[in-house]
C-alpha atoms as a PDB file:
ATOM      1  CA  MET A   1    -105.857 -93.636-246.188  1.00  0.00           C
ATOM      2  CA  PRO A   2    -108.377 -95.396-243.929  1.00  0.00           C
ATOM      3  CA  THR A   3    -110.941 -97.628-245.596  1.00  0.00           C
ATOM      4  CA  LEU A   4    -114.685 -97.402-245.134  1.00  0.00           C
ATOM      5  CA  PHE A   5    -114.418-100.356-242.751  1.00  0.00           C
ATOM      6  CA  SER A   6    -111.649 -98.685-240.718  1.00  0.00           C
ATOM      7  CA  LYS A   7    -113.984 -95.724-240.270  1.00  0.00           C
ATOM      8  CA  ILE A   8    -116.767 -98.073-239.099  1.00  0.00           C
ATOM      9  CA  ILE A   9    -114.347 -99.794-236.696  1.00  0.00           C
ATOM     10  CA  SER A  10    -113.235 -96.434-235.229  1.00  0.00           C
ATOM     11  CA  GLY A  11    -116.866 -95.325-234.861  1.00  0.00           C
ATOM     12  CA  ASP A  12    -116.528 -92.456-237.358  1.00  0.00           C
ATOM     13  CA  ILE A  13    -119.280 -94.085-239.448  1.00  0.00           C
ATOM     14  CA  PRO A  14    -122.254 -95.743-237.699  1.00  0.00           C
ATOM     15  CA  SER A  15    -123.070 -99.407-238.259  1.00  0.00           C
ATOM     16  CA  TYR A  16    -125.507-102.096-237.189  1.00  0.00           C
ATOM     17  CA  LYS A  17    -122.978-104.016-235.103  1.00  0.00           C
ATOM     18  CA  VAL A  18    -123.806-107.611-234.218  1.00  0.00           C
ATOM     19  CA  ALA A  19    -120.518-108.785-232.646  1.00  0.00           C
ATOM     20  CA  GLU A  20    -117.102-107.494-231.681  1.00  0.00           C
ATOM     21  CA  ASP A  21    -113.983-108.672-229.914  1.00  0.00           C
ATOM     22  CA  ASP A  22    -110.443-107.298-229.669  1.00  0.00           C
ATOM     23  CA  ASP A  23    -109.547-108.306-233.242  1.00  0.00           C
ATOM     24  CA  PHE A  24    -112.775-108.442-235.273  1.00  0.00           C
ATOM     25  CA  ILE A  25    -116.121-106.743-235.779  1.00  0.00           C
ATOM     26  CA  ALA A  26    -119.321-107.972-237.462  1.00  0.00           C
ATOM     27  CA  PHE A  27    -122.066-105.691-238.733  1.00  0.00           C
ATOM     28  CA  LEU A  28    -125.058-105.859-241.040  1.00  0.00           C
ATOM     29  CA  ASP A  29    -124.417-105.027-244.693  1.00  0.00           C
ATOM     30  CA  ILE A  30    -126.439-101.874-245.503  1.00  0.00           C
ATOM     31  CA  ASN A  31    -126.960-103.090-249.081  1.00  0.00           C
ATOM     32  CA  PRO A  32    -127.827-106.723-248.297  1.00  0.00           C
ATOM     33  CA  ASN A  33    -128.347-109.659-250.654  1.00  0.00           C
ATOM     34  CA  ALA A  34    -130.752-111.092-248.060  1.00  0.00           C
ATOM     35  CA  LYS A  35    -132.113-110.073-244.672  1.00  0.00           C
ATOM     36  CA  GLY A  36    -129.307-110.606-242.168  1.00  0.00           C
ATOM     37  CA  HIS A  37    -126.407-110.281-244.659  1.00  0.00           C
ATOM     38  CA  THR A  38    -123.490-109.658-242.289  1.00  0.00           C
ATOM     39  CA  LEU A  39    -119.862-108.651-242.792  1.00  0.00           C
ATOM     40  CA  CYS A  40    -117.079-109.970-240.546  1.00  0.00           C
ATOM     41  CA  VAL A  41    -114.033-107.708-240.656  1.00  0.00           C
ATOM     42  CA  PRO A  42    -110.620-107.789-238.990  1.00  0.00           C
ATOM     43  CA  LYS A  43    -109.845-104.565-237.159  1.00  0.00           C
ATOM     44  CA  LYS A  44    -106.350-104.625-238.620  1.00  0.00           C
ATOM     45  CA  GLU A  45    -106.490-103.069-242.080  1.00  0.00           C
ATOM     46  CA  VAL A  46    -105.303-105.672-244.600  1.00  0.00           C
ATOM     47  CA  ASN A  47    -106.353-105.532-248.259  1.00  0.00           C
ATOM     48  CA  LYS A  48    -106.510-109.225-249.269  1.00  0.00           C
ATOM     49  CA  ILE A  49    -107.609-112.224-247.230  1.00  0.00           C
ATOM     50  CA  PHE A  50    -104.620-114.344-248.217  1.00  0.00           C
ATOM     51  CA  ASP A  51    -102.276-111.591-247.020  1.00  0.00           C
ATOM     52  CA  LEU A  52    -103.477-112.203-243.449  1.00  0.00           C
ATOM     53  CA  ASP A  53    -101.020-114.113-241.296  1.00  0.00           C
ATOM     54  CA  ASP A  54    -102.151-117.668-240.525  1.00  0.00           C
ATOM     55  CA  LYS A  55    -103.279-116.910-236.979  1.00  0.00           C
ATOM     56  CA  SER A  56    -105.410-113.940-238.098  1.00  0.00           C
ATOM     57  CA  TYR A  57    -106.892-115.909-240.995  1.00  0.00           C
ATOM     58  CA  LEU A  58    -107.904-118.837-238.771  1.00  0.00           C
ATOM     59  CA  SER A  59    -109.212-116.485-236.076  1.00  0.00           C
ATOM     60  CA  LEU A  60    -111.329-114.629-238.665  1.00  0.00           C
ATOM     61  CA  MET A  61    -112.839-117.941-239.781  1.00  0.00           C
ATOM     62  CA  ALA A  62    -113.594-118.908-236.150  1.00  0.00           C
ATOM     63  CA  PHE A  63    -115.150-115.478-235.473  1.00  0.00           C
ATOM     64  CA  SER A  64    -117.215-115.759-238.684  1.00  0.00           C
ATOM     65  CA  LYS A  65    -118.417-119.223-237.638  1.00  0.00           C
ATOM     66  CA  THR A  66    -119.602-117.890-234.273  1.00  0.00           C
ATOM     67  CA  VAL A  67    -121.423-115.005-235.956  1.00  0.00           C
ATOM     68  CA  ALA A  68    -122.960-117.387-238.531  1.00  0.00           C
ATOM     69  CA  HIS A  69    -124.436-119.555-235.771  1.00  0.00           C
ATOM     70  CA  GLY A  70    -126.005-116.506-234.118  1.00  0.00           C
ATOM     71  CA  LEU A  71    -127.299-115.239-237.452  1.00  0.00           C
ATOM     72  CA  GLU A  72    -128.790-118.615-238.359  1.00  0.00           C
ATOM     73  CA  SER A  73    -130.646-118.762-235.045  1.00  0.00           C
ATOM     74  CA  VAL A  74    -132.395-115.441-235.808  1.00  0.00           C
ATOM     75  CA  VAL A  75    -132.970-115.379-239.565  1.00  0.00           C
ATOM     76  CA  ASN A  76    -135.131-118.075-241.153  1.00  0.00           C
ATOM     77  CA  CYS A  77    -132.918-119.675-243.814  1.00  0.00           C
ATOM     78  CA  LYS A  78    -131.753-123.034-245.149  1.00  0.00           C
ATOM     79  CA  ARG A  79    -128.125-122.214-244.381  1.00  0.00           C
ATOM     80  CA  ILE A  80    -125.605-119.408-244.128  1.00  0.00           C
ATOM     81  CA  GLY A  81    -123.488-118.902-247.230  1.00  0.00           C
ATOM     82  CA  MET A  82    -120.018-117.407-247.034  1.00  0.00           C
ATOM     83  CA  ALA A  83    -118.172-115.382-249.652  1.00  0.00           C
ATOM     84  CA  VAL A  84    -114.940-113.442-249.788  1.00  0.00           C
ATOM     85  CA  VAL A  85    -114.731-111.085-252.744  1.00  0.00           C
ATOM     86  CA  GLY A  86    -112.988-107.932-251.601  1.00  0.00           C
ATOM     87  CA  LEU A  87    -113.202-105.804-254.719  1.00  0.00           C
ATOM     88  CA  GLU A  88    -115.460-103.019-253.423  1.00  0.00           C
ATOM     89  CA  VAL A  89    -113.593-102.204-250.193  1.00  0.00           C
ATOM     90  CA  PRO A  90    -109.827-102.845-249.959  1.00  0.00           C
ATOM     91  CA  HIS A  91    -110.111-104.281-246.438  1.00  0.00           C
ATOM     92  CA  VAL A  92    -110.559-108.005-245.752  1.00  0.00           C
ATOM     93  CA  HIS A  93    -114.174-108.953-245.095  1.00  0.00           C
ATOM     94  CA  VAL A  94    -116.244-112.122-245.040  1.00  0.00           C
ATOM     95  CA  HIS A  95    -119.841-111.988-246.258  1.00  0.00           C
ATOM     96  CA  LEU A  96    -122.284-114.172-244.304  1.00  0.00           C
ATOM     97  CA  ILE A  97    -125.528-114.439-246.260  1.00  0.00           C
ATOM     98  CA  PRO A  98    -128.693-116.252-245.121  1.00  0.00           C
ATOM     99  CA  LEU A  99    -129.740-118.463-248.034  1.00  0.00           C
ATOM    100  CA  GLN A 100    -132.996-119.852-249.298  1.00  0.00           C
ATOM    101  CA  THR A 101    -131.678-120.481-252.828  1.00  0.00           C
ATOM    102  CA  MET A 102    -128.380-120.190-254.712  1.00  0.00           C
ATOM    103  CA  ASP A 103    -129.620-116.900-256.163  1.00  0.00           C
ATOM    104  CA  ASP A 104    -129.281-115.325-252.712  1.00  0.00           C
ATOM    105  CA  MET A 105    -125.490-115.389-253.231  1.00  0.00           C
ATOM    106  CA  ARG A 106    -125.730-113.202-256.337  1.00  0.00           C
ATOM    107  CA  PHE A 107    -124.422-109.786-255.468  1.00  0.00           C
ATOM    108  CA  GLU A 108    -126.790-108.066-257.892  1.00  0.00           C
ATOM    109  CA  LYS A 109    -129.768-109.285-255.852  1.00  0.00           C
ATOM    110  CA  LYS A 110    -130.567-106.881-253.005  1.00  0.00           C
ATOM    111  CA  VAL A 111    -133.285-106.495-250.376  1.00  0.00           C
ATOM    112  CA  SER A 112    -134.452-103.347-248.603  1.00  0.00           C
ATOM    113  CA  LEU A 113    -134.861-102.895-244.875  1.00  0.00           C
ATOM    114  CA  THR A 114    -135.996 -99.902-242.862  1.00  0.00           C
ATOM    115  CA  GLU A 115    -133.861 -98.291-240.169  1.00  0.00           C
ATOM    116  CA  ASP A 116    -136.048 -99.951-237.526  1.00  0.00           C
ATOM    117  CA  GLU A 117    -135.712-103.363-239.210  1.00  0.00           C
ATOM    118  CA  PHE A 118    -131.904-103.016-239.306  1.00  0.00           C
ATOM    119  CA  GLN A 119    -131.770-102.015-235.630  1.00  0.00           C
ATOM    120  CA  GLU A 120    -134.091-104.790-234.457  1.00  0.00           C
ATOM    121  CA  LEU A 121    -132.279-107.409-236.543  1.00  0.00           C
ATOM    122  CA  ALA A 122    -128.843-106.341-235.276  1.00  0.00           C
ATOM    123  CA  LYS A 123    -130.114-106.444-231.673  1.00  0.00           C
ATOM    124  CA  SER A 124    -131.642-109.914-232.135  1.00  0.00           C
ATOM    125  CA  ILE A 125    -128.447-111.333-233.651  1.00  0.00           C
ATOM    126  CA  ARG A 126    -126.242-109.698-230.965  1.00  0.00           C
ATOM    127  CA  GLU A 127    -128.318-111.392-228.277  1.00  0.00           C
ATOM    128  CA  LYS A 128    -127.564-114.827-229.788  1.00  0.00           C
ATOM    129  CA  ILE A 129    -123.772-114.394-230.072  1.00  0.00           C
ATOM    130  CA  THR A 130    -121.384-115.159-227.256  1.00  0.00           C
ATOM    131  CA  ILE A 131    -117.843-114.002-227.917  1.00  0.00           C
END
């Protein structure tokens, strides 16, 4: 059965896409820890990050790095944190979270954005990423 992320990748569920190439997609988390919280996801449906083949794993990290640089140039933060948890959706994904403090990495801390704020933020980040 397709995952939530597979449905986003296929376009069956809308997203605030910030980057995409042949193998990966990045979009804003709709329940973000911080403004700009972005998910980087391989298009190939794999449950666990360490089940990715080496090439896919390294390519996901390179894609995530590119997205992180674009994100950092748009969102005011001290740095971009990265986490891989994978318990909520059984499809590999990397969380990129703009950080001011360590508490911004806590997944019980959430911020709210309007539809317009999500759209404008996604557009601004997209403009800074070259894939």
